[in-house]
Protein backbone atom coordinates (compact mmCIF):
# COMPACT_ATOMS: atom_id res chain seq x y z
CA MET A 1 93.62 109.35 139.10
CA SER A 2 91.29 106.76 137.60
CA ILE A 3 90.67 106.44 133.89
CA LYS A 4 87.34 107.87 132.80
CA TYR A 5 85.48 105.63 130.41
CA ARG A 6 82.83 106.57 127.92
CA LEU A 7 81.28 103.28 126.78
CA ALA A 8 79.80 100.28 128.59
CA VAL A 9 78.91 97.11 126.68
CA ALA A 10 76.42 94.79 128.36
CA ALA A 11 75.93 91.20 127.18
CA PRO A 12 74.46 88.01 128.63
CA ARG A 13 78.00 86.58 128.35
CA PHE A 14 81.14 87.25 126.34
CA ASP A 15 82.45 83.74 125.70
CA LEU A 16 80.01 82.08 123.29
CA PRO A 17 81.83 80.87 120.13
CA SER A 18 78.93 82.00 117.91
CA GLU A 19 78.81 85.57 119.28
CA THR A 20 81.98 86.96 117.74
CA PHE A 21 80.12 90.20 117.00
CA ILE A 22 79.63 90.95 120.71
CA ARG A 23 83.34 90.55 121.42
CA ALA A 24 84.13 92.75 118.42
CA HIS A 25 81.89 95.51 119.77
CA ALA A 26 83.64 95.35 123.14
CA ARG A 27 87.11 95.49 121.57
CA GLN A 28 86.66 97.94 118.75
CA LEU A 29 84.08 100.63 119.51
CA ALA A 30 86.00 102.56 122.17
CA PRO A 31 89.43 100.96 122.75
CA GLY A 32 90.76 101.77 126.20
CA ARG A 33 87.48 103.47 127.15
CA THR A 34 85.15 100.51 127.61
CA VAL A 35 83.75 98.69 130.64
CA LEU A 36 81.69 95.49 130.60
CA LEU A 37 78.51 94.27 132.26
CA SER A 38 77.45 90.63 132.07
CA HIS A 39 75.02 88.15 133.54
CA LEU A 40 77.79 85.57 133.77
CA ALA A 41 81.36 86.13 134.88
CA SER A 42 83.80 84.53 132.45
CA ALA A 43 87.52 83.91 132.56
CA GLU A 44 87.65 84.72 128.84
CA LEU A 45 86.86 88.38 128.38
CA PRO A 46 87.29 90.15 125.02
CA ILE A 47 89.35 92.94 126.60
CA ASP A 48 91.11 93.75 129.85
CA ALA A 49 88.48 96.04 131.32
CA PRO A 50 86.44 96.61 134.49
CA LEU A 51 83.61 94.06 134.70
CA LEU A 52 80.36 93.97 136.66
CA ALA A 53 78.99 90.42 136.89
CA PRO A 54 76.56 88.97 137.63
CA LEU A 55 74.08 91.72 136.92
CA ASP A 56 71.10 90.07 138.59
CA HIS A 57 71.89 88.82 142.12
CA ALA A 58 68.18 88.34 142.82
CA GLY A 59 67.95 85.83 139.97
CA VAL A 60 64.88 83.59 140.07
CA LEU A 61 63.28 85.68 142.81
CA ALA A 62 63.49 88.79 140.64
CA LYS A 63 61.95 86.99 137.68
CA ALA A 64 59.09 85.69 139.82
CA TRP A 65 58.47 89.15 141.29
CA ARG A 66 58.39 90.80 137.86
CA ALA A 67 56.13 88.11 136.40
CA GLY A 68 53.74 88.42 139.32
CA SER A 69 53.63 92.21 139.12
CA GLU A 70 52.90 92.14 135.41
CA ALA A 71 50.25 89.45 135.81
CA LEU A 72 48.48 91.75 138.28
CA GLY A 73 48.71 94.63 135.83
CA LEU A 74 51.03 96.69 138.03
CA ALA A 75 52.77 99.39 135.98
CA SER A 76 56.19 98.95 137.56
CA GLU A 77 59.28 99.72 135.54
CA PRO A 78 60.75 96.53 134.06
CA GLY A 79 64.31 95.57 134.74
CA LEU A 80 66.62 94.75 137.60
CA LEU A 81 65.25 94.99 141.10
CA PRO A 82 66.28 98.20 142.93
CA PRO A 83 69.39 96.80 144.71
CA ASP A 84 70.83 95.40 141.46
CA ARG A 85 69.67 98.45 139.48
CA ASP A 86 71.48 100.77 141.87
CA ARG A 87 74.59 98.58 141.91
CA ALA A 88 74.74 98.69 138.08
CA ALA A 89 74.10 102.45 138.08
CA ALA A 90 76.90 102.99 140.62
CA PHE A 91 79.28 100.97 138.42
CA LEU A 92 78.42 103.11 135.40
CA THR A 93 78.82 106.34 137.36
CA THR A 94 82.10 105.31 138.99
CA HIS A 95 83.65 104.63 135.60
CA GLY A 96 82.40 107.80 133.97
CA VAL A 97 80.25 105.97 131.42
CA LYS A 98 78.30 108.22 129.07
CA THR A 99 76.90 105.58 126.72
CA LEU A 100 75.61 102.05 127.35
CA LEU A 101 75.21 99.48 124.56
CA ALA A 102 73.05 96.50 125.55
CA GLU A 103 73.33 93.40 123.38
CA TYR A 104 69.85 91.86 122.93
CA GLY A 105 66.56 93.60 123.53
CA TRP A 106 65.71 91.71 126.72
CA LEU A 107 68.96 92.83 128.36
CA GLY A 108 68.30 96.40 127.29
CA ALA A 109 64.92 96.18 129.05
CA GLU A 110 66.65 94.98 132.21
CA LEU A 111 69.02 97.96 132.16
CA VAL A 112 66.49 100.76 131.56
CA GLY A 113 66.40 101.71 135.24
CA ALA A 114 70.16 101.54 135.75
CA ALA A 115 70.74 103.76 132.72
CA ARG A 116 68.18 106.27 133.97
CA VAL A 117 69.66 106.42 137.49
CA ALA A 118 73.20 106.80 136.12
CA GLY A 119 72.14 109.38 133.54
CA VAL A 120 73.67 107.52 130.59
CA GLU A 121 72.31 107.13 127.06
CA LEU A 122 71.05 103.61 126.43
CA TYR A 123 71.37 101.98 123.00
CA VAL A 124 70.00 98.49 122.43
CA HIS A 125 71.21 96.06 119.76
CA PHE A 126 68.54 93.52 118.80
CA HIS A 127 69.71 90.37 117.03
CA GLY A 128 66.87 87.96 116.22
CA TYR A 129 64.73 86.00 118.68
CA ASP A 130 64.63 88.98 121.02
CA ALA A 131 62.76 90.91 118.30
CA THR A 132 60.57 88.09 116.98
CA ARG A 133 59.87 85.36 119.54
CA LEU A 134 59.82 87.31 122.82
CA PRO A 135 57.27 89.96 121.69
CA ARG A 136 54.67 87.25 121.16
CA SER A 137 54.22 87.59 124.91
CA ARG A 138 52.16 90.55 126.13
CA ARG A 139 54.58 90.81 129.03
CA TRP A 140 57.47 91.44 126.67
CA ARG A 141 55.50 93.87 124.56
CA ARG A 142 54.96 95.91 127.72
CA ARG A 143 58.65 95.77 128.59
CA TYR A 144 59.63 96.79 125.08
CA ALA A 145 57.24 99.76 125.23
CA TRP A 146 59.23 101.00 128.24
CA LEU A 147 62.47 100.23 126.43
CA PHE A 148 61.54 102.05 123.22
CA ALA A 149 60.53 105.13 125.19
CA ALA A 150 63.67 105.17 127.35
CA SER A 151 66.35 104.27 124.82
CA ALA A 152 68.36 106.75 122.78
CA GLY A 153 68.56 104.33 119.84
CA VAL A 154 67.63 100.82 118.74
CA VAL A 155 70.04 98.98 116.43
CA THR A 156 69.03 96.05 114.24
CA PRO A 157 71.04 93.74 111.94
CA SER A 158 68.61 94.06 109.03
CA ARG A 159 65.85 96.18 107.57
CA TYR A 160 63.49 93.25 108.11
CA ILE A 161 64.03 93.30 111.88
CA ALA A 162 63.83 97.11 111.91
CA ASP A 163 60.43 96.95 110.21
CA HIS A 164 59.31 94.32 112.72
CA LEU A 165 60.28 96.51 115.68
CA ARG A 166 58.60 99.51 114.08
CA GLY A 167 55.43 97.44 113.98
CA LEU A 168 55.83 96.80 117.71
CA GLY A 169 55.85 100.53 118.38
CA CYS A 170 59.49 101.54 118.20
CA PRO A 171 59.67 105.11 116.83
CA ALA A 172 61.20 105.16 113.34
CA GLU A 173 63.57 107.97 114.33
CA LYS A 174 65.18 105.71 116.93
CA LEU A 175 65.81 102.78 114.57
CA PHE A 176 69.21 102.19 112.94
CA VAL A 177 70.22 99.31 110.65
CA CYS A 178 73.72 97.97 111.24
CA PRO A 179 74.60 94.39 110.23
CA CYS A 180 77.13 92.61 112.42
CA GLY A 181 80.34 92.61 110.42
CA ILE A 182 82.92 89.89 109.91
CA GLU A 183 86.72 89.67 109.69
CA PRO A 184 87.62 89.35 105.99
CA ASP A 185 91.25 88.52 106.78
CA VAL A 186 90.13 85.48 108.79
CA PHE A 187 87.65 84.19 106.21
CA ARG A 188 89.57 84.13 102.95
CA PRO A 189 89.23 81.99 99.81
CA THR A 190 91.84 79.23 99.55
CA ILE A 191 91.45 75.68 98.25
CA ARG A 192 88.13 74.35 97.04
CA GLU A 193 87.32 70.66 97.35
CA PRO A 194 84.74 69.73 94.70
CA GLY A 195 81.44 68.57 96.16
CA ARG A 196 82.23 69.69 99.71
CA VAL A 197 79.21 71.43 101.29
CA LEU A 198 79.25 73.28 104.59
CA ALA A 199 76.50 74.31 107.03
CA VAL A 200 77.23 76.23 110.26
CA GLY A 201 74.75 77.04 113.01
CA ARG A 202 73.08 75.82 116.17
CA LEU A 203 70.93 72.73 115.68
CA THR A 204 67.71 74.54 116.52
CA GLU A 205 64.31 74.85 114.90
CA LYS A 206 64.84 78.22 113.22
CA LYS A 207 67.98 76.95 111.49
CA ALA A 208 66.27 73.69 110.44
CA PRO A 209 69.41 71.54 110.09
CA HIS A 210 67.25 68.47 109.52
CA LEU A 211 65.83 70.11 106.38
CA THR A 212 69.37 70.86 105.18
CA LEU A 213 70.11 67.16 105.62
CA GLU A 214 66.93 66.14 103.77
CA ALA A 215 67.94 68.42 100.88
CA PHE A 216 71.46 66.99 100.92
CA ALA A 217 70.04 63.46 100.71
CA MET A 218 68.13 64.48 97.57
CA LEU A 219 71.26 66.18 96.20
CA ARG A 220 73.17 62.90 96.43
CA GLU A 221 70.92 61.43 93.75
CA THR A 222 72.46 63.78 91.17
CA ALA A 223 75.80 64.53 92.88
CA PRO A 224 76.96 61.26 94.49
CA HIS A 225 80.41 62.77 95.13
CA ALA A 226 79.01 65.43 97.49
CA ARG A 227 79.75 65.42 101.21
CA LEU A 228 78.46 67.65 103.99
CA ASP A 229 80.14 69.17 107.05
CA LEU A 230 77.60 70.30 109.64
CA VAL A 231 78.98 72.49 112.44
CA GLY A 232 76.96 73.19 115.57
CA ASP A 233 75.00 71.51 118.32
CA GLY A 234 71.59 71.85 119.91
CA ASP A 235 68.19 70.34 120.59
CA LEU A 236 67.79 68.89 117.09
CA ARG A 237 70.97 66.81 117.12
CA ALA A 238 69.05 63.56 117.66
CA ARG A 239 66.70 64.43 114.80
CA CYS A 240 69.68 65.14 112.55
CA GLU A 241 71.21 61.79 113.47
CA GLU A 242 67.91 60.09 112.60
CA VAL A 243 67.88 61.71 109.13
CA ILE A 244 71.48 60.66 108.57
CA GLN A 245 70.70 57.08 109.55
CA ARG A 246 67.46 56.91 107.54
CA HIS A 247 69.17 58.10 104.36
CA ARG A 248 72.39 56.17 105.01
CA LEU A 249 74.53 59.30 104.99
CA ALA A 250 76.94 58.38 107.77
CA ASP A 251 79.86 58.04 105.34
CA VAL A 252 79.30 61.43 103.70
CA VAL A 253 78.02 63.66 106.53
CA THR A 254 80.14 64.79 109.48
CA LEU A 255 78.52 66.30 112.57
CA HIS A 256 81.34 68.40 113.98
CA GLY A 257 79.52 69.81 117.00
CA VAL A 258 80.49 73.25 118.28
CA GLN A 259 83.81 74.42 116.85
CA PRO A 260 86.04 77.43 117.58
CA HIS A 261 86.23 80.32 115.14
CA ALA A 262 89.52 79.15 113.61
CA ALA A 263 88.15 75.67 112.91
CA VAL A 264 85.10 77.11 111.15
CA ALA A 265 87.36 79.32 109.03
CA ALA A 266 89.45 76.28 108.10
CA LEU A 267 86.37 74.34 107.00
CA MET A 268 85.15 77.30 104.93
CA SER A 269 88.51 77.51 103.20
CA ARG A 270 88.10 73.94 101.92
CA SER A 271 84.41 74.00 100.99
CA ALA A 272 82.77 74.56 97.63
CA LEU A 273 79.31 75.64 98.81
CA PHE A 274 77.64 77.04 101.95
CA VAL A 275 74.03 76.17 102.80
CA GLN A 276 71.55 77.37 105.42
CA HIS A 277 67.87 76.52 105.60
CA SER A 278 66.56 79.12 108.08
CA VAL A 279 62.81 79.06 108.80
CA LEU A 280 60.21 80.72 111.00
CA ALA A 281 60.02 78.54 114.13
CA ALA A 282 56.72 77.55 115.70
CA ASP A 283 57.33 79.90 118.63
CA GLY A 284 58.03 82.86 116.33
CA ASP A 285 61.81 82.68 116.57
CA MET A 286 63.65 84.02 113.51
CA GLU A 287 67.13 84.93 112.40
CA GLY A 288 68.36 88.50 112.21
CA LEU A 289 71.11 88.29 109.62
CA PRO A 290 73.23 85.16 110.25
CA VAL A 291 76.89 86.06 110.65
CA SER A 292 77.92 82.63 109.31
CA ILE A 293 76.45 83.53 105.92
CA LEU A 294 78.57 86.69 105.80
CA GLU A 295 81.64 84.69 106.83
CA ALA A 296 80.98 82.22 104.02
CA MET A 297 80.61 85.05 101.51
CA SER A 298 83.90 86.51 102.76
CA ALA A 299 85.49 83.13 102.05
CA ALA A 300 84.15 83.43 98.48
CA LEU A 301 81.66 80.61 98.94
CA PRO A 302 78.44 80.76 96.93
CA VAL A 303 75.47 80.51 99.29
CA VAL A 304 72.28 78.51 99.04
CA ALA A 305 69.80 79.71 101.65
CA THR A 306 66.15 80.54 102.27
CA ARG A 307 64.30 83.81 101.78
CA HIS A 308 64.14 84.40 105.49
CA SER A 309 64.35 87.58 107.57
CA GLY A 310 67.47 89.58 106.65
CA ILE A 311 69.15 86.90 104.50
CA PRO A 312 68.01 88.42 101.15
CA GLU A 313 69.58 91.72 102.26
CA ALA A 314 72.98 90.03 102.16
CA VAL A 315 72.65 87.25 99.57
CA ALA A 316 71.84 88.67 96.15
CA ASP A 317 69.78 85.92 94.52
CA GLY A 318 71.37 84.82 91.26
CA GLU A 319 74.50 86.95 91.88
CA THR A 320 76.14 85.75 95.11
CA GLY A 321 74.04 82.66 95.64
CA LEU A 322 70.62 81.11 95.22
CA LEU A 323 67.60 81.60 97.50
CA VAL A 324 64.63 79.28 97.92
CA ALA A 325 61.42 79.42 99.90
CA GLU A 326 61.38 78.27 103.51
CA ARG A 327 60.84 74.50 103.83
CA ASP A 328 61.29 73.97 100.09
CA VAL A 329 63.55 70.96 100.44
CA PRO A 330 63.43 69.91 96.75
CA GLY A 331 64.16 73.51 95.76
CA MET A 332 67.20 73.63 98.00
CA ALA A 333 68.47 70.32 96.63
CA LYS A 334 68.04 71.64 93.08
CA ALA A 335 69.88 74.88 93.89
CA MET A 336 72.75 72.98 95.49
CA ALA A 337 73.00 70.70 92.48
CA ALA A 338 72.97 73.67 90.08
CA LEU A 339 76.07 75.15 91.71
CA LEU A 340 77.98 71.94 92.39
CA THR A 341 77.61 70.88 88.76
CA ASP A 342 78.65 74.29 87.42
CA PRO A 343 81.94 75.17 89.15
CA ALA A 344 82.54 78.24 86.97
CA ARG A 345 79.19 79.76 87.93
CA ALA A 346 79.74 78.87 91.58
CA ALA A 347 83.19 80.49 91.55
CA ALA A 348 81.83 83.67 89.99
CA MET A 349 79.10 83.87 92.63
CA GLY A 350 81.66 83.30 95.36
CA GLU A 351 83.87 86.14 94.14
CA ALA A 352 80.85 88.43 93.84
CA GLY A 353 79.88 87.50 97.40
CA ARG A 354 83.33 88.37 98.77
CA ALA A 355 83.26 91.70 96.95
CA ARG A 356 79.84 92.41 98.46
CA VAL A 357 81.09 91.65 101.96
CA LEU A 358 84.21 93.79 101.54
CA ALA A 359 82.04 96.69 100.38
CA ASN A 360 79.37 96.46 103.09
CA PHE A 361 79.73 93.86 105.83
CA THR A 362 83.14 94.00 107.52
CA GLN A 363 83.73 94.67 111.20
CA GLU A 364 85.16 98.04 110.20
CA HIS A 365 81.85 98.96 108.53
CA THR A 366 80.06 97.94 111.72
CA ARG A 367 82.46 99.85 113.94
CA ARG A 368 82.15 103.07 111.96
CA ARG A 369 78.36 102.81 111.85
CA LEU A 370 77.96 102.16 115.59
CA VAL A 371 80.43 104.91 116.49
CA GLU A 372 78.38 107.28 114.33
CA ILE A 373 75.05 106.16 115.80
CA MET A 374 76.21 106.52 119.40
CA GLY A 375 78.36 109.61 118.88
CA LEU A 376 81.39 107.98 120.48
CA GLU A 377 83.89 110.33 118.85
CA THR A 378 82.21 113.50 120.13
CA ALA A 379 82.16 114.99 123.60
CA HIS A 380 78.37 115.22 123.52
CA PRO A 381 76.78 112.33 121.58
CA GLN A 382 74.45 113.45 118.82
CA ARG A 383 72.49 110.88 116.88
CA PRO A 384 72.64 110.91 113.08
CA GLU A 385 69.56 110.64 110.94
CA PRO A 386 68.60 106.94 110.86
CA ALA A 387 69.47 105.30 107.59
CA ALA A 388 70.01 101.75 106.40
CA GLN A 389 73.47 100.81 105.29
CA PRO A 390 73.84 100.23 101.53
CA ILE A 391 73.25 96.53 101.06
């Protein structure tokens, strides 16, 4: 007799170092009762579970067909083409899935038809660019209209993103705020090296690593002992290298590239300050609530960041860190200097940040909230009244 599962988690892939939250959802929400769907098959899965991959056999052809249909104004249902839709639906039915959680809004839109055919409740977890950049396209606004109507619930990492989706037409009663939690036992305060600054994130426009470097160059005028560790890679690496060369920072800035979770935790344990200069990108891309900021707070690091998207919902300005306006490079340099030159204040902010994370932003908080939203502990899922988590 086969095991009957209740939850399916769908994700573009399960092996990206930066997407620890997706693996946590797969492991923790319904242990022993979870199956996985993915666009890419991976040797490194978060759990030993049945897997359907790839989701979209039609690939480029399917994308061209959908784009052409929408350009002609045809009101076809968005998502996988019928053969792939039915294959996904059969997988869900075979494994007795009652609830499907799709990571990222665009993937949720692809799975609307499969969820309908299989008769499962579809929940969609938006994270950032899927809620901000994609809807600039009329095509995606149409797809999201279908998604909002068909889904049982829409989960967002911050109130800011929830408000944005409400403005796109998502019914308020379907919106739930649930930040992606972190592992406080992994990110713990240990040694602190004076003057050591850390930034973690992809080298992309919305994270503006080049502006972090410009601010660090200004910081060096008042804190010549400071050094910066920059973790991540991406399209702006060459621009970052240019800033480093122009300001002669090669001896005090280390570009670490992409690093595994354990290596990031080790760097956080040695740092004195965490910085992130998130901005609104030209194409509309924005953060949701960066997990790296929560990890830094868990490690008792004071945070200097921008007032961007959901960041102010986690970083209490003046209590757990300092916030500046987007693209205010001198302001960021000044905030960094204020904390590096006042270790007692920085330490107090770091401890307050860890307490805030322990009270609101752990993976256990996320697990309990998502289980409640999707009704995973009841035979017949019933949605709670939508409410933001206390943050």
